[in-house]
């Protein structure tokens, strides 16, 4: 028996572009045969629904609300809801952060400063991961699609359900040529109907962000498409 985890998903109202609520997400994951997800709502410089004018600690507290609601809703279905985020790092490019916690965010107000190096410095010091999301996505808001500096990322999203096939194929080719990079897959789901597309499948249940990072580093999982 395998355990399927969604790795890229957004809920409303913390992600301003989200449509489904945390409770709806939990119900859909259960119905779709998933064991849980990493909730990767848009953070400070992304399409966040949280007021950036709040003091830093208050911003982080507000950002975690959907996560807490999802954890509570998931108890009915015995699902694992893990904390994560998606952040814009400049020129339309974004990263997914795995292994991060609300406590880490609160302790590092310098994360208000946009930039990949800043994020990688903090995440690597806390044994968390920076994964480039949808690197070859062709959209008007991304002026120059392509890879970020390999020195500051730990992996690549090789399948994104919101991407075109050729965009995902380019990301797969990058990881094939650079096997030190971690490969992940995700729905980039904003609606209930997309929540159970892609992700990873593991042999063991993942209950904490530390376990998630360990699984990803070891490559002990299957990429779902």
Protein backbone atom coordinates (compact mmCIF):
# COMPACT_ATOMS: atom_id res chain seq x y z
CA UNK A 1 0.00 0.00 0.00
CA UNK A 2 1.30 3.43 -0.97
CA UNK A 3 0.60 6.84 0.54
CA UNK A 4 -0.18 9.66 -1.86
CA UNK A 5 0.55 13.28 -0.94
CA UNK A 6 -0.41 16.39 -2.85
CA UNK A 7 2.62 18.73 -2.94
CA UNK A 8 1.25 21.99 -4.39
CA UNK A 9 -2.15 23.31 -3.37
CA UNK A 10 -3.81 26.62 -2.46
CA UNK A 11 -6.83 27.45 -0.33
CA UNK A 12 -8.99 30.51 0.24
CA UNK A 13 -8.73 33.02 1.82
CA UNK A 14 -4.97 32.82 2.58
CA UNK A 15 -4.20 32.46 -1.15
CA UNK A 16 -6.10 35.25 -2.86
CA UNK A 17 -6.43 33.10 -5.99
CA UNK A 18 -7.75 30.09 -4.08
CA UNK A 19 -11.32 28.91 -4.48
CA UNK A 20 -11.63 25.90 -2.15
CA UNK A 21 -11.68 26.14 1.61
CA UNK A 22 -9.38 24.07 3.87
CA UNK A 23 -12.33 21.87 4.81
CA UNK A 24 -13.21 21.23 1.15
CA UNK A 25 -9.57 20.35 0.48
CA UNK A 26 -9.52 17.74 3.23
CA UNK A 27 -12.75 16.16 1.99
CA UNK A 28 -11.45 15.98 -1.59
CA UNK A 29 -8.09 14.48 -0.61
CA UNK A 30 -9.90 11.75 1.30
CA UNK A 31 -12.34 11.09 -1.54
CA UNK A 32 -9.46 10.93 -4.01
CA UNK A 33 -7.50 8.37 -2.04
CA UNK A 34 -4.75 10.72 -0.88
CA UNK A 35 -3.12 10.43 2.54
CA UNK A 36 -2.60 14.17 2.85
CA UNK A 37 -0.87 17.18 1.36
CA UNK A 38 1.61 19.97 1.82
CA UNK A 39 -0.47 23.15 1.96
CA UNK A 40 1.56 25.64 -0.08
CA UNK A 41 -0.38 28.89 0.07
CA UNK A 42 1.10 32.00 -1.49
CA UNK A 43 3.36 33.84 0.95
CA UNK A 44 4.44 37.46 1.39
CA UNK A 45 5.43 38.42 -2.18
CA UNK A 46 3.04 36.05 -3.91
CA UNK A 47 -0.70 36.20 -4.51
CA UNK A 48 -1.44 36.28 -0.81
CA UNK A 49 -4.77 37.14 0.73
CA UNK A 50 -3.06 38.34 3.91
CA UNK A 51 -2.48 42.04 4.56
CA UNK A 52 1.24 42.76 4.04
CA UNK A 53 0.93 45.85 6.25
CA UNK A 54 0.50 43.68 9.34
CA UNK A 55 3.45 43.38 11.73
CA UNK A 56 5.57 40.40 10.74
CA UNK A 57 4.48 38.07 13.55
CA UNK A 58 0.83 38.94 12.89
CA UNK A 59 1.28 38.33 9.16
CA UNK A 60 2.72 34.87 9.82
CA UNK A 61 -0.05 34.10 12.32
CA UNK A 62 -2.71 35.08 9.79
CA UNK A 63 -0.93 33.11 7.06
CA UNK A 64 -1.14 29.93 9.13
CA UNK A 65 -4.91 30.12 9.64
CA UNK A 66 -5.86 28.01 6.62
CA UNK A 67 -3.25 25.43 7.63
CA UNK A 68 -4.72 25.15 11.13
CA UNK A 69 -8.23 24.83 9.70
CA UNK A 70 -7.06 22.14 7.27
CA UNK A 71 -5.39 20.18 10.08
CA UNK A 72 -8.59 20.31 12.09
CA UNK A 73 -10.76 19.27 9.13
CA UNK A 74 -8.36 16.43 8.28
CA UNK A 75 -8.84 14.78 11.67
CA UNK A 76 -12.18 13.40 10.44
CA UNK A 77 -10.36 11.50 7.70
CA UNK A 78 -7.04 10.70 9.42
CA UNK A 79 -5.08 12.75 6.86
CA UNK A 80 -1.63 14.29 7.21
CA UNK A 81 -1.64 18.04 6.49
CA UNK A 82 1.89 19.44 6.34
CA UNK A 83 2.87 23.10 6.44
CA UNK A 84 4.56 24.65 3.42
CA UNK A 85 4.40 27.70 1.20
CA UNK A 86 4.97 29.13 -2.25
CA UNK A 87 6.89 32.38 -2.56
CA UNK A 88 7.65 34.73 -5.43
CA UNK A 89 11.39 35.43 -5.66
CA UNK A 90 11.45 37.89 -8.55
CA UNK A 91 10.54 38.16 -12.27
CA UNK A 92 7.51 35.93 -11.86
CA UNK A 93 9.55 32.96 -10.64
CA UNK A 94 8.40 31.06 -7.55
CA UNK A 95 9.68 28.48 -5.10
CA UNK A 96 7.94 25.87 -2.99
CA UNK A 97 9.34 25.53 0.53
CA UNK A 98 9.15 22.17 2.29
CA UNK A 99 10.32 21.61 5.85
CA UNK A 100 9.50 25.16 6.88
CA UNK A 101 7.33 25.82 9.95
CA UNK A 102 5.42 28.84 11.26
CA UNK A 103 8.02 29.13 14.02
CA UNK A 104 10.84 29.39 11.47
CA UNK A 105 8.97 32.10 9.58
CA UNK A 106 8.28 34.11 12.71
CA UNK A 107 11.95 33.95 13.71
CA UNK A 108 13.13 35.34 10.36
CA UNK A 109 11.51 38.69 9.55
CA UNK A 110 14.27 39.24 6.98
CA UNK A 111 12.18 37.01 4.72
CA UNK A 112 10.17 40.14 3.95
CA UNK A 113 13.05 41.05 1.64
CA UNK A 114 12.37 39.51 -1.74
CA UNK A 115 15.01 37.29 -3.27
CA UNK A 116 16.04 33.68 -3.78
CA UNK A 117 19.39 33.92 -1.98
CA UNK A 118 17.69 35.29 1.11
CA UNK A 119 15.20 32.41 1.17
CA UNK A 120 17.80 29.74 0.47
CA UNK A 121 20.05 31.06 3.23
CA UNK A 122 17.29 30.81 5.83
CA UNK A 123 15.82 27.52 4.61
CA UNK A 124 19.16 25.72 4.33
CA UNK A 125 20.11 26.84 7.84
CA UNK A 126 16.88 25.19 9.09
CA UNK A 127 17.17 21.98 7.02
CA UNK A 128 14.25 23.05 4.83
CA UNK A 129 14.11 22.85 1.04
CA UNK A 130 13.65 25.36 -1.78
CA UNK A 131 12.09 23.74 -4.85
CA UNK A 132 11.55 25.75 -8.01
CA UNK A 133 7.91 25.71 -9.04
CA UNK A 134 6.86 25.38 -12.71
CA UNK A 135 10.18 26.75 -14.09
CA UNK A 136 9.24 26.77 -17.78
CA UNK A 137 5.69 28.07 -17.49
CA UNK A 138 4.87 30.47 -20.30
CA UNK A 139 2.60 33.16 -18.90
CA UNK A 140 2.40 36.95 -19.23
CA UNK A 141 3.40 37.45 -15.59
CA UNK A 142 6.68 35.56 -16.08
CA UNK A 143 8.95 37.74 -18.27
CA UNK A 144 11.77 35.20 -18.57
CA UNK A 145 10.82 31.57 -17.89
CA UNK A 146 13.65 29.21 -17.03
CA UNK A 147 15.77 27.88 -14.25
CA UNK A 148 16.86 29.74 -11.16
CA UNK A 149 20.49 29.54 -10.02
CA UNK A 150 21.18 25.91 -9.10
CA UNK A 151 23.25 27.13 -6.15
CA UNK A 152 20.11 28.32 -4.40
CA UNK A 153 17.55 25.60 -5.11
CA UNK A 154 17.31 22.00 -3.93
CA UNK A 155 14.99 20.70 -6.59
CA UNK A 156 12.47 21.25 -9.37
CA UNK A 157 8.76 20.71 -9.83
CA UNK A 158 8.90 18.40 -12.87
CA UNK A 159 5.14 17.96 -13.18
CA UNK A 160 2.65 20.75 -12.60
CA UNK A 161 -0.93 19.99 -13.57
CA UNK A 162 -1.54 23.62 -14.57
CA UNK A 163 1.35 23.54 -17.06
CA UNK A 164 1.41 22.53 -20.70
CA UNK A 165 3.00 19.17 -21.42
CA UNK A 166 6.02 20.69 -23.13
CA UNK A 167 6.66 22.97 -20.13
CA UNK A 168 6.77 19.97 -17.81
CA UNK A 169 8.97 18.02 -20.21
CA UNK A 170 11.61 20.78 -20.10
CA UNK A 171 11.64 20.61 -16.29
CA UNK A 172 12.00 16.82 -16.40
CA UNK A 173 14.98 17.17 -18.75
CA UNK A 174 16.72 19.50 -16.31
CA UNK A 175 16.47 16.99 -13.47
CA UNK A 176 17.53 14.14 -15.75
CA UNK A 177 20.69 16.09 -16.54
CA UNK A 178 21.21 17.17 -12.93
CA UNK A 179 20.36 14.19 -10.71
CA UNK A 180 21.40 16.04 -7.55
CA UNK A 181 18.13 17.98 -7.85
CA UNK A 182 15.03 16.73 -6.07
CA UNK A 183 12.05 16.11 -8.38
CA UNK A 184 8.51 16.79 -7.17
CA UNK A 185 5.07 16.87 -8.72
CA UNK A 186 1.98 18.85 -7.83
CA UNK A 187 -1.46 19.92 -8.94
CA UNK A 188 -1.02 23.64 -8.31
CA UNK A 189 -4.63 23.19 -7.29
CA UNK A 190 -6.83 26.19 -6.54
CA UNK A 191 -10.11 24.31 -6.93
CA UNK A 192 -11.54 21.08 -5.54
CA UNK A 193 -11.58 19.43 -8.96
CA UNK A 194 -7.77 19.69 -9.30
CA UNK A 195 -6.75 18.69 -5.78
CA UNK A 196 -6.05 15.04 -6.54
CA UNK A 197 -3.76 15.35 -9.56
CA UNK A 198 -0.04 14.64 -9.24
CA UNK A 199 1.99 14.63 -6.05
CA UNK A 200 4.21 11.90 -4.66
CA UNK A 201 3.60 8.34 -3.49
CA UNK A 202 5.58 6.94 -0.59
CA UNK A 203 5.94 3.57 1.09
CA UNK A 204 5.49 5.09 4.54
CA UNK A 205 3.14 7.64 5.98
CA UNK A 206 4.56 11.17 6.38
CA UNK A 207 3.41 12.84 9.57
CA UNK A 208 5.88 15.74 9.98
CA UNK A 209 7.76 18.21 7.81
CA UNK A 210 11.01 16.67 9.04
CA UNK A 211 9.91 13.27 7.72
CA UNK A 212 8.92 14.90 4.43
CA UNK A 213 12.37 16.44 3.97
CA UNK A 214 14.01 13.11 4.77
CA UNK A 215 11.90 11.27 2.20
CA UNK A 216 12.63 13.88 -0.48
CA UNK A 217 16.38 13.90 0.19
CA UNK A 218 16.55 10.09 0.04
CA UNK A 219 14.42 9.93 -3.10
CA UNK A 220 12.28 7.32 -1.39
CA UNK A 221 9.09 8.07 -3.33
CA UNK A 222 7.41 7.92 -6.72
CA UNK A 223 6.60 11.05 -8.69
CA UNK A 224 2.91 11.03 -9.69
CA UNK A 225 1.74 12.56 -12.95
